[in-house]
Amino acid sequence: AEQLRAATSNRLQTVLLDVTSSKSIADVTAWVRDRVGDQGLWG
């Protein structure tokens, strides 16, 4: 995540996700919901 942030603009945001962990997926879903708001996730 740190390496990717260093190579991109401030529009890109990183989050840690382990796709084998239901808790991690739930946490990332809440994080994404906070970022996108009512607009939703385009992709």
All heavy atoms as atom14 arrays in JSON, in Angstrom:
{
  "sequence": "AEQLRAATSNRLQTVLLDVTSSKSIADVTAWVRDRVGDQGLWG",
  "atom14_mask": [
    [1, 1, 1, 1, 1, 0, 0, 0, 0, 0, 0, 0, 0, 0],
    [1, 1, 1, 1, 1, 1, 1, 1, 1, 0, 0, 0, 0, 0],
    [1, 1, 1, 1, 1, 1, 1, 1, 1, 0, 0, 0, 0, 0],
    [1, 1, 1, 1, 1, 1, 1, 1, 0, 0, 0, 0, 0, 0],
    [1, 1, 1, 1, 1, 1, 1, 1, 1, 1, 1, 0, 0, 0],
    [1, 1, 1, 1, 1, 0, 0, 0, 0, 0, 0, 0, 0, 0],
    [1, 1, 1, 1, 1, 0, 0, 0, 0, 0, 0, 0, 0, 0],
    [1, 1, 1, 1, 1, 1, 1, 0, 0, 0, 0, 0, 0, 0],
    [1, 1, 1, 1, 1, 1, 0, 0, 0, 0, 0, 0, 0, 0],
    [1, 1, 1, 1, 1, 1, 1, 1, 0, 0, 0, 0, 0, 0],
    [1, 1, 1, 1, 1, 1, 1, 1, 1, 1, 1, 0, 0, 0],
    [1, 1, 1, 1, 1, 1, 1, 1, 0, 0, 0, 0, 0, 0],
    [1, 1, 1, 1, 1, 1, 1, 1, 1, 0, 0, 0, 0, 0],
    [1, 1, 1, 1, 1, 1, 1, 0, 0, 0, 0, 0, 0, 0],
    [1, 1, 1, 1, 1, 1, 1, 0, 0, 0, 0, 0, 0, 0],
    [1, 1, 1, 1, 1, 1, 1, 1, 0, 0, 0, 0, 0, 0],
    [1, 1, 1, 1, 1, 1, 1, 1, 0, 0, 0, 0, 0, 0],
    [1, 1, 1, 1, 1, 1, 1, 1, 0, 0, 0, 0, 0, 0],
    [1, 1, 1, 1, 1, 1, 1, 0, 0, 0, 0, 0, 0, 0],
    [1, 1, 1, 1, 1, 1, 1, 0, 0, 0, 0, 0, 0, 0],
    [1, 1, 1, 1, 1, 1, 0, 0, 0, 0, 0, 0, 0, 0],
    [1, 1, 1, 1, 1, 1, 0, 0, 0, 0, 0, 0, 0, 0],
    [1, 1, 1, 1, 1, 1, 1, 1, 1, 0, 0, 0, 0, 0],
    [1, 1, 1, 1, 1, 1, 0, 0, 0, 0, 0, 0, 0, 0],
    [1, 1, 1, 1, 1, 1, 1, 1, 0, 0, 0, 0, 0, 0],
    [1, 1, 1, 1, 1, 0, 0, 0, 0, 0, 0, 0, 0, 0],
    [1, 1, 1, 1, 1, 1, 1, 1, 0, 0, 0, 0, 0, 0],
    [1, 1, 1, 1, 1, 1, 1, 0, 0, 0, 0, 0, 0, 0],
    [1, 1, 1, 1, 1, 1, 1, 0, 0, 0, 0, 0, 0, 0],
    [1, 1, 1, 1, 1, 0, 0, 0, 0, 0, 0, 0, 0, 0],
    [1, 1, 1, 1, 1, 1, 1, 1, 1, 1, 1, 1, 1, 1],
    [1, 1, 1, 1, 1, 1, 1, 0, 0, 0, 0, 0, 0, 0],
    [1, 1, 1, 1, 1, 1, 1, 1, 1, 1, 1, 0, 0, 0],
    [1, 1, 1, 1, 1, 1, 1, 1, 0, 0, 0, 0, 0, 0],
    [1, 1, 1, 1, 1, 1, 1, 1, 1, 1, 1, 0, 0, 0],
    [1, 1, 1, 1, 1, 1, 1, 0, 0, 0, 0, 0, 0, 0],
    [1, 1, 1, 1, 0, 0, 0, 0, 0, 0, 0, 0, 0, 0],
    [1, 1, 1, 1, 1, 1, 1, 1, 0, 0, 0, 0, 0, 0],
    [1, 1, 1, 1, 1, 1, 1, 1, 1, 0, 0, 0, 0, 0],
    [1, 1, 1, 1, 0, 0, 0, 0, 0, 0, 0, 0, 0, 0],
    [1, 1, 1, 1, 1, 1, 1, 1, 0, 0, 0, 0, 0, 0],
    [1, 1, 1, 1, 1, 1, 1, 1, 1, 1, 1, 1, 1, 1],
    [1, 1, 1, 1, 0, 0, 0, 0, 0, 0, 0, 0, 0, 0]
  ],
  "atom14_positions": [
    [[0.83, -1.2, 0.0], [0.0, 0.0, 0.0], [0.86, 1.25, 0.0], [0.59, 2.21, -0.73], [-0.93, 0.0, 1.22], [0.0, 0.0, 0.0], [0.0, 0.0, 0.0], [0.0, 0.0, 0.0], [0.0, 0.0, 0.0], [0.0, 0.0, 0.0], [0.0, 0.0, 0.0], [0.0, 0.0, 0.0], [0.0, 0.0, 0.0], [0.0, 0.0, 0.0]],
    [[1.92, 1.24, 0.78], [2.81, 2.4, 0.86], [3.51, 2.65, -0.47], [3.62, 3.78, -0.93], [3.83, 2.17, 1.98], [4.71, 3.35, 2.26], [5.64, 3.08, 3.43], [5.15, 2.57, 4.46], [6.84, 3.37, 3.3], [0.0, 0.0, 0.0], [0.0, 0.0, 0.0], [0.0, 0.0, 0.0], [0.0, 0.0, 0.0], [0.0, 0.0, 0.0]],
    [[3.96, 1.58, -1.11], [4.64, 1.7, -2.4], [3.69, 2.25, -3.45], [4.06, 3.1, -4.27], [5.17, 0.32, -2.82], [5.91, 0.29, -4.13], [5.02, -0.14, -5.28], [4.0, -0.8, -5.11], [5.39, 0.28, -6.47], [0.0, 0.0, 0.0], [0.0, 0.0, 0.0], [0.0, 0.0, 0.0], [0.0, 0.0, 0.0], [0.0, 0.0, 0.0]],
    [[2.44, 1.82, -3.43], [1.45, 2.3, -4.4], [1.11, 3.77, -4.15], [1.01, 4.56, -5.09], [0.18, 1.44, -4.34], [-0.91, 1.75, -5.34], [-0.39, 1.63, -6.78], [-2.09, 0.84, -5.13], [0.0, 0.0, 0.0], [0.0, 0.0, 0.0], [0.0, 0.0, 0.0], [0.0, 0.0, 0.0], [0.0, 0.0, 0.0], [0.0, 0.0, 0.0]],
    [[0.95, 4.15, -2.9], [0.66, 5.56, -2.58], [1.79, 6.48, -3.04], [1.54, 7.59, -3.5], [0.44, 5.73, -1.07], [-0.94, 5.39, -0.6], [-1.19, 5.84, 0.83], [-0.2, 5.33, 1.77], [-0.35, 4.23, 2.5], [-1.45, 3.53, 2.41], [0.6, 3.86, 3.34], [0.0, 0.0, 0.0], [0.0, 0.0, 0.0], [0.0, 0.0, 0.0]],
    [[3.01, 6.0, -2.93], [4.16, 6.82, -3.33], [4.2, 7.04, -4.85], [4.76, 8.03, -5.31], [5.46, 6.16, -2.86], [0.0, 0.0, 0.0], [0.0, 0.0, 0.0], [0.0, 0.0, 0.0], [0.0, 0.0, 0.0], [0.0, 0.0, 0.0], [0.0, 0.0, 0.0], [0.0, 0.0, 0.0], [0.0, 0.0, 0.0], [0.0, 0.0, 0.0]],
    [[3.6, 6.13, -5.61], [3.68, 6.2, -7.07], [2.45, 6.85, -7.71], [2.38, 6.92, -8.93], [3.87, 4.79, -7.64], [0.0, 0.0, 0.0], [0.0, 0.0, 0.0], [0.0, 0.0, 0.0], [0.0, 0.0, 0.0], [0.0, 0.0, 0.0], [0.0, 0.0, 0.0], [0.0, 0.0, 0.0], [0.0, 0.0, 0.0], [0.0, 0.0, 0.0]],
    [[1.5, 7.33, -6.9], [0.24, 7.83, -7.45], [-0.12, 9.19, -6.86], [0.55, 9.68, -5.96], [-0.9, 6.83, -7.18], [-0.98, 6.59, -5.78], [-0.67, 5.51, -7.91], [0.0, 0.0, 0.0], [0.0, 0.0, 0.0], [0.0, 0.0, 0.0], [0.0, 0.0, 0.0], [0.0, 0.0, 0.0], [0.0, 0.0, 0.0], [0.0, 0.0, 0.0]],
    [[-1.24, 9.72, -7.34], [-1.71, 11.02, -6.85], [-2.48, 10.84, -5.55], [-2.71, 9.72, -5.1], [-2.62, 11.66, -7.9], [-3.88, 11.02, -7.92], [0.0, 0.0, 0.0], [0.0, 0.0, 0.0], [0.0, 0.0, 0.0], [0.0, 0.0, 0.0], [0.0, 0.0, 0.0], [0.0, 0.0, 0.0], [0.0, 0.0, 0.0], [0.0, 0.0, 0.0]],
    [[-2.93, 11.96, -4.99], [-3.68, 11.89, -3.74], [-5.13, 11.45, -3.96], [-5.86, 11.28, -2.99], [-3.63, 13.23, -3.0], [-4.19, 14.37, -3.82], [-4.62, 14.19, -4.97], [-4.21, 15.55, -3.25], [0.0, 0.0, 0.0], [0.0, 0.0, 0.0], [0.0, 0.0, 0.0], [0.0, 0.0, 0.0], [0.0, 0.0, 0.0], [0.0, 0.0, 0.0]],
    [[-5.56, 11.28, -5.21], [-6.9, 10.73, -5.48], [-6.98, 9.26, -5.08], [-8.03, 8.77, -4.69], [-7.26, 10.85, -6.97], [-7.71, 12.2, -7.42], [-8.16, 12.16, -8.87], [-7.21, 11.5, -9.75], [-6.2, 12.11, -10.35], [-6.01, 13.4, -10.18], [-5.38, 11.44, -11.14], [0.0, 0.0, 0.0], [0.0, 0.0, 0.0], [0.0, 0.0, 0.0]],
    [[-5.86, 8.55, -5.2], [-5.83, 7.13, -4.88], [-5.72, 6.95, -3.38], [-4.88, 7.57, -2.73], [-4.65, 6.45, -5.57], [-4.56, 4.95, -5.38], [-4.23, 4.27, -6.7], [-3.54, 4.58, -4.33], [0.0, 0.0, 0.0], [0.0, 0.0, 0.0], [0.0, 0.0, 0.0], [0.0, 0.0, 0.0], [0.0, 0.0, 0.0], [0.0, 0.0, 0.0]],
    [[-6.59, 6.11, -2.83], [-6.56, 5.79, -1.4], [-6.37, 4.29, -1.25], [-6.91, 3.51, -2.04], [-7.85, 6.21, -0.73], [-8.11, 7.7, -0.79], [-9.45, 8.06, -0.17], [-9.94, 7.36, 0.71], [-10.03, 9.15, -0.62], [0.0, 0.0, 0.0], [0.0, 0.0, 0.0], [0.0, 0.0, 0.0], [0.0, 0.0, 0.0], [0.0, 0.0, 0.0]],
    [[-5.61, 3.89, -0.26], [-5.37, 2.47, -0.05], [-6.02, 1.99, 1.24], [-6.26, 2.77, 2.16], [-3.86, 2.16, 0.02], [-3.29, 2.88, 1.1], [-3.16, 2.53, -1.29], [0.0, 0.0, 0.0], [0.0, 0.0, 0.0], [0.0, 0.0, 0.0], [0.0, 0.0, 0.0], [0.0, 0.0, 0.0], [0.0, 0.0, 0.0], [0.0, 0.0, 0.0]],
    [[-6.29, 0.7, 1.27], [-6.86, 0.05, 2.44], [-6.31, -1.37, 2.47], [-6.01, -1.95, 1.42], [-8.41, 0.06, 2.39], [-8.94, -0.75, 1.22], [-9.01, -0.42, 3.69], [0.0, 0.0, 0.0], [0.0, 0.0, 0.0], [0.0, 0.0, 0.0], [0.0, 0.0, 0.0], [0.0, 0.0, 0.0], [0.0, 0.0, 0.0], [0.0, 0.0, 0.0]],
    [[-6.15, -1.92, 3.67], [-5.67, -3.29, 3.8], [-6.87, -4.24, 3.74], [-7.87, -4.03, 4.43], [-4.9, -3.48, 5.1], [-3.62, -2.67, 5.22], [-2.92, -2.96, 6.54], [-2.68, -2.94, 4.05], [0.0, 0.0, 0.0], [0.0, 0.0, 0.0], [0.0, 0.0, 0.0], [0.0, 0.0, 0.0], [0.0, 0.0, 0.0], [0.0, 0.0, 0.0]],
    [[-6.75, -5.29, 2.92], [-7.83, -6.25, 2.75], [-7.27, -7.65, 2.61], [-6.4, -7.9, 1.77], [-8.66, -5.91, 1.49], [-9.71, -6.95, 1.06], [-10.8, -7.1, 2.13], [-10.31, -6.57, -0.28], [0.0, 0.0, 0.0], [0.0, 0.0, 0.0], [0.0, 0.0, 0.0], [0.0, 0.0, 0.0], [0.0, 0.0, 0.0], [0.0, 0.0, 0.0]],
    [[-7.77, -8.54, 3.43], [-7.49, -9.98, 3.32], [-8.8, -10.62, 2.88], [-9.76, -10.69, 3.66], [-7.02, -10.54, 4.66], [-6.78, -12.04, 4.62], [-6.94, -12.66, 3.54], [-6.43, -12.6, 5.67], [0.0, 0.0, 0.0], [0.0, 0.0, 0.0], [0.0, 0.0, 0.0], [0.0, 0.0, 0.0], [0.0, 0.0, 0.0], [0.0, 0.0, 0.0]],
    [[-8.87, -11.08, 1.63], [-10.14, -11.58, 1.09], [-10.57, -12.91, 1.72], [-11.69, -13.36, 1.5], [-10.1, -11.72, -0.45], [-9.92, -10.38, -1.11], [-9.05, -12.71, -0.9], [0.0, 0.0, 0.0], [0.0, 0.0, 0.0], [0.0, 0.0, 0.0], [0.0, 0.0, 0.0], [0.0, 0.0, 0.0], [0.0, 0.0, 0.0], [0.0, 0.0, 0.0]],
    [[-9.7, -13.51, 2.54], [-10.1, -14.75, 3.24], [-10.69, -14.47, 4.61], [-11.11, -15.39, 5.29], [-8.89, -15.7, 3.39], [-7.89, -15.07, 4.21], [-8.29, -16.05, 2.04], [0.0, 0.0, 0.0], [0.0, 0.0, 0.0], [0.0, 0.0, 0.0], [0.0, 0.0, 0.0], [0.0, 0.0, 0.0], [0.0, 0.0, 0.0], [0.0, 0.0, 0.0]],
    [[-10.75, -13.2, 5.0], [-11.26, -12.83, 6.32], [-12.58, -12.06, 6.18], [-12.61, -10.96, 5.61], [-10.23, -11.96, 7.04], [-10.81, -11.31, 8.15], [0.0, 0.0, 0.0], [0.0, 0.0, 0.0], [0.0, 0.0, 0.0], [0.0, 0.0, 0.0], [0.0, 0.0, 0.0], [0.0, 0.0, 0.0], [0.0, 0.0, 0.0], [0.0, 0.0, 0.0]],
    [[-13.65, -12.61, 6.72], [-14.95, -11.94, 6.67], [-14.93, -10.61, 7.4], [-15.57, -9.64, 6.97], [-16.04, -12.84, 7.26], [-16.21, -13.99, 6.46], [0.0, 0.0, 0.0], [0.0, 0.0, 0.0], [0.0, 0.0, 0.0], [0.0, 0.0, 0.0], [0.0, 0.0, 0.0], [0.0, 0.0, 0.0], [0.0, 0.0, 0.0], [0.0, 0.0, 0.0]],
    [[-14.2, -10.54, 8.5], [-14.1, -9.28, 9.24], [-13.39, -8.21, 8.41], [-13.83, -7.06, 8.35], [-13.37, -9.47, 10.57], [-13.29, -8.18, 11.38], [-12.48, -8.35, 12.62], [-12.33, -7.1, 13.46], [-12.51, -5.83, 12.83], [0.0, 0.0, 0.0], [0.0, 0.0, 0.0], [0.0, 0.0, 0.0], [0.0, 0.0, 0.0], [0.0, 0.0, 0.0]],
    [[-12.32, -8.6, 7.74], [-11.59, -7.66, 6.89], [-12.48, -7.17, 5.76], [-12.49, -5.97, 5.44], [-10.34, -8.33, 6.33], [-9.64, -7.44, 5.49], [0.0, 0.0, 0.0], [0.0, 0.0, 0.0], [0.0, 0.0, 0.0], [0.0, 0.0, 0.0], [0.0, 0.0, 0.0], [0.0, 0.0, 0.0], [0.0, 0.0, 0.0], [0.0, 0.0, 0.0]],
    [[-13.25, -8.04, 5.16], [-14.16, -7.65, 4.08], [-15.24, -6.71, 4.59], [-15.56, -5.7, 3.95], [-14.77, -8.91, 3.41], [-13.67, -9.69, 2.68], [-15.9, -8.52, 2.46], [-14.11, -11.05, 2.17], [0.0, 0.0, 0.0], [0.0, 0.0, 0.0], [0.0, 0.0, 0.0], [0.0, 0.0, 0.0], [0.0, 0.0, 0.0], [0.0, 0.0, 0.0]],
    [[-15.8, -7.01, 5.77], [-16.82, -6.12, 6.35], [-16.24, -4.75, 6.66], [-16.89, -3.72, 6.42], [-17.41, -6.76, 7.59], [0.0, 0.0, 0.0], [0.0, 0.0, 0.0], [0.0, 0.0, 0.0], [0.0, 0.0, 0.0], [0.0, 0.0, 0.0], [0.0, 0.0, 0.0], [0.0, 0.0, 0.0], [0.0, 0.0, 0.0], [0.0, 0.0, 0.0]],
    [[-15.02, -4.72, 7.2], [-14.38, -3.43, 7.52], [-14.13, -2.62, 6.25], [-14.36, -1.41, 6.22], [-13.05, -3.66, 8.24], [-13.23, -4.22, 9.65], [-14.37, -4.18, 10.17], [-12.23, -4.7, 10.21], [0.0, 0.0, 0.0], [0.0, 0.0, 0.0], [0.0, 0.0, 0.0], [0.0, 0.0, 0.0], [0.0, 0.0, 0.0], [0.0, 0.0, 0.0]],
    [[-13.67, -3.27, 5.19], [-13.41, -2.57, 3.93], [-14.72, -2.1, 3.3], [-14.79, -0.99, 2.75], [-12.6, -3.45, 2.96], [-12.57, -2.86, 1.56], [-11.18, -3.63, 3.49], [0.0, 0.0, 0.0], [0.0, 0.0, 0.0], [0.0, 0.0, 0.0], [0.0, 0.0, 0.0], [0.0, 0.0, 0.0], [0.0, 0.0, 0.0], [0.0, 0.0, 0.0]],
    [[-15.77, -2.88, 3.42], [-17.08, -2.46, 2.89], [-17.55, -1.19, 3.58], [-18.02, -0.26, 2.92], [-18.12, -3.59, 3.07], [-17.66, -4.75, 2.35], [-19.47, -3.18, 2.55], [0.0, 0.0, 0.0], [0.0, 0.0, 0.0], [0.0, 0.0, 0.0], [0.0, 0.0, 0.0], [0.0, 0.0, 0.0], [0.0, 0.0, 0.0], [0.0, 0.0, 0.0]],
    [[-17.41, -1.12, 4.89], [-17.78, 0.1, 5.62], [-16.89, 1.26, 5.21], [-17.38, 2.39, 5.05], [-17.69, -0.15, 7.13], [0.0, 0.0, 0.0], [0.0, 0.0, 0.0], [0.0, 0.0, 0.0], [0.0, 0.0, 0.0], [0.0, 0.0, 0.0], [0.0, 0.0, 0.0], [0.0, 0.0, 0.0], [0.0, 0.0, 0.0], [0.0, 0.0, 0.0]],
    [[-15.6, 1.01, 5.03], [-14.66, 2.04, 4.61], [-15.03, 2.57, 3.23], [-15.04, 3.79, 3.0], [-13.24, 1.46, 4.62], [-12.16, 2.39, 4.22], [-11.52, 3.3, 5.01], [-11.56, 2.5, 2.92], [-10.56, 3.96, 4.28], [-10.57, 3.49, 3.0], [-11.77, 1.86, 1.7], [-9.78, 3.85, 1.9], [-11.0, 2.22, 0.61], [-10.02, 3.21, 0.73]],
    [[-15.37, 1.69, 2.32], [-15.77, 2.1, 0.96], [-17.07, 2.89, 1.02], [-17.21, 3.92, 0.36], [-15.9, 0.87, 0.03], [-16.55, 1.26, -1.3], [-14.55, 0.23, -0.22], [0.0, 0.0, 0.0], [0.0, 0.0, 0.0], [0.0, 0.0, 0.0], [0.0, 0.0, 0.0], [0.0, 0.0, 0.0], [0.0, 0.0, 0.0], [0.0, 0.0, 0.0]],
    [[-18.02, 2.44, 1.81], [-19.3, 3.15, 1.94], [-19.08, 4.58, 2.43], [-19.73, 5.52, 1.94], [-20.22, 2.39, 2.89], [-21.65, 2.89, 2.89], [-22.56, 2.08, 3.8], [-22.66, 0.69, 3.37], [-22.21, -0.36, 4.08], [-21.65, -0.18, 5.27], [-22.33, -1.58, 3.62], [0.0, 0.0, 0.0], [0.0, 0.0, 0.0], [0.0, 0.0, 0.0]],
    [[-18.15, 4.76, 3.36], [-17.83, 6.12, 3.84], [-17.23, 6.97, 2.73], [-17.47, 8.17, 2.67], [-16.85, 6.05, 5.01], [-17.49, 5.52, 6.27], [-18.74, 5.5, 6.36], [-16.73, 5.11, 7.18], [0.0, 0.0, 0.0], [0.0, 0.0, 0.0], [0.0, 0.0, 0.0], [0.0, 0.0, 0.0], [0.0, 0.0, 0.0], [0.0, 0.0, 0.0]],
    [[-16.42, 6.36, 1.86], [-15.75, 7.12, 0.8], [-16.68, 7.5, -0.33], [-16.61, 8.6, -0.85], [-14.57, 6.32, 0.21], [-13.46, 5.95, 1.16], [-12.81, 7.18, 1.75], [-11.75, 6.91, 2.7], [-11.91, 6.58, 3.97], [-13.12, 6.4, 4.47], [-10.88, 6.43, 4.78], [0.0, 0.0, 0.0], [0.0, 0.0, 0.0], [0.0, 0.0, 0.0]],
    [[-17.56, 6.58, -0.74], [-18.38, 6.82, -1.94], [-19.7, 7.49, -1.62], [-20.29, 8.13, -2.49], [-18.61, 5.52, -2.74], [-17.3, 4.91, -3.15], [-19.46, 4.53, -1.98], [0.0, 0.0, 0.0], [0.0, 0.0, 0.0], [0.0, 0.0, 0.0], [0.0, 0.0, 0.0], [0.0, 0.0, 0.0], [0.0, 0.0, 0.0], [0.0, 0.0, 0.0]],
    [[-20.19, 7.34, -0.41], [-21.46, 7.96, -0.01], [-22.62, 7.49, -0.86], [-22.72, 6.32, -1.21], [0.0, 0.0, 0.0], [0.0, 0.0, 0.0], [0.0, 0.0, 0.0], [0.0, 0.0, 0.0], [0.0, 0.0, 0.0], [0.0, 0.0, 0.0], [0.0, 0.0, 0.0], [0.0, 0.0, 0.0], [0.0, 0.0, 0.0], [0.0, 0.0, 0.0]],
    [[-23.52, 8.43, -1.18], [-24.71, 8.09, -1.97], [-24.41, 7.84, -3.43], [-25.24, 7.34, -4.16], [-25.74, 9.22, -1.86], [-26.32, 9.32, -0.46], [-26.32, 8.29, 0.25], [-26.75, 10.41, -0.07], [0.0, 0.0, 0.0], [0.0, 0.0, 0.0], [0.0, 0.0, 0.0], [0.0, 0.0, 0.0], [0.0, 0.0, 0.0], [0.0, 0.0, 0.0]],
    [[-23.21, 8.21, -3.85], [-22.84, 8.07, -5.26], [-22.69, 6.61, -5.66], [-22.94, 6.24, -6.8], [-21.53, 8.83, -5.5], [-21.16, 8.95, -6.94], [-19.92, 9.8, -7.1], [-19.11, 9.93, -6.19], [-19.78, 10.37, -8.26], [0.0, 0.0, 0.0], [0.0, 0.0, 0.0], [0.0, 0.0, 0.0], [0.0, 0.0, 0.0], [0.0, 0.0, 0.0]],
    [[-22.25, 5.77, -4.75], [-22.07, 4.35, -5.06], [-20.7, 4.06, -5.65], [-19.88, 4.95, -5.85], [0.0, 0.0, 0.0], [0.0, 0.0, 0.0], [0.0, 0.0, 0.0], [0.0, 0.0, 0.0], [0.0, 0.0, 0.0], [0.0, 0.0, 0.0], [0.0, 0.0, 0.0], [0.0, 0.0, 0.0], [0.0, 0.0, 0.0], [0.0, 0.0, 0.0]],
    [[-20.48, 2.8, -5.94], [-19.21, 2.32, -6.46], [-19.35, 2.02, -7.94], [-20.09, 1.12, -8.34], [-18.8, 1.06, -5.69], [-17.41, 0.49, -5.9], [-16.35, 1.51, -5.5], [-17.25, -0.78, -5.08], [0.0, 0.0, 0.0], [0.0, 0.0, 0.0], [0.0, 0.0, 0.0], [0.0, 0.0, 0.0], [0.0, 0.0, 0.0], [0.0, 0.0, 0.0]],
    [[-18.66, 2.78, -8.78], [-18.79, 2.67, -10.23], [-18.15, 1.4, -10.76], [-18.56, 0.87, -11.78], [-18.2, 3.91, -10.88], [-18.48, 4.02, -12.34], [-19.69, 4.18, -12.94], [-17.52, 4.01, -13.4], [-19.54, 4.26, -14.3], [-18.21, 4.17, -14.61], [-16.13, 3.9, -13.43], [-17.58, 4.2, -15.84], [-15.5, 3.94, -14.65], [-16.23, 4.08, -15.84]],
    [[-17.12, 0.91, -10.07], [-16.45, -0.3, -10.53], [-15.85, -1.08, -9.39], [-15.33, -0.51, -8.44], [0.0, 0.0, 0.0], [0.0, 0.0, 0.0], [0.0, 0.0, 0.0], [0.0, 0.0, 0.0], [0.0, 0.0, 0.0], [0.0, 0.0, 0.0], [0.0, 0.0, 0.0], [0.0, 0.0, 0.0], [0.0, 0.0, 0.0], [0.0, 0.0, 0.0]]
  ]
}
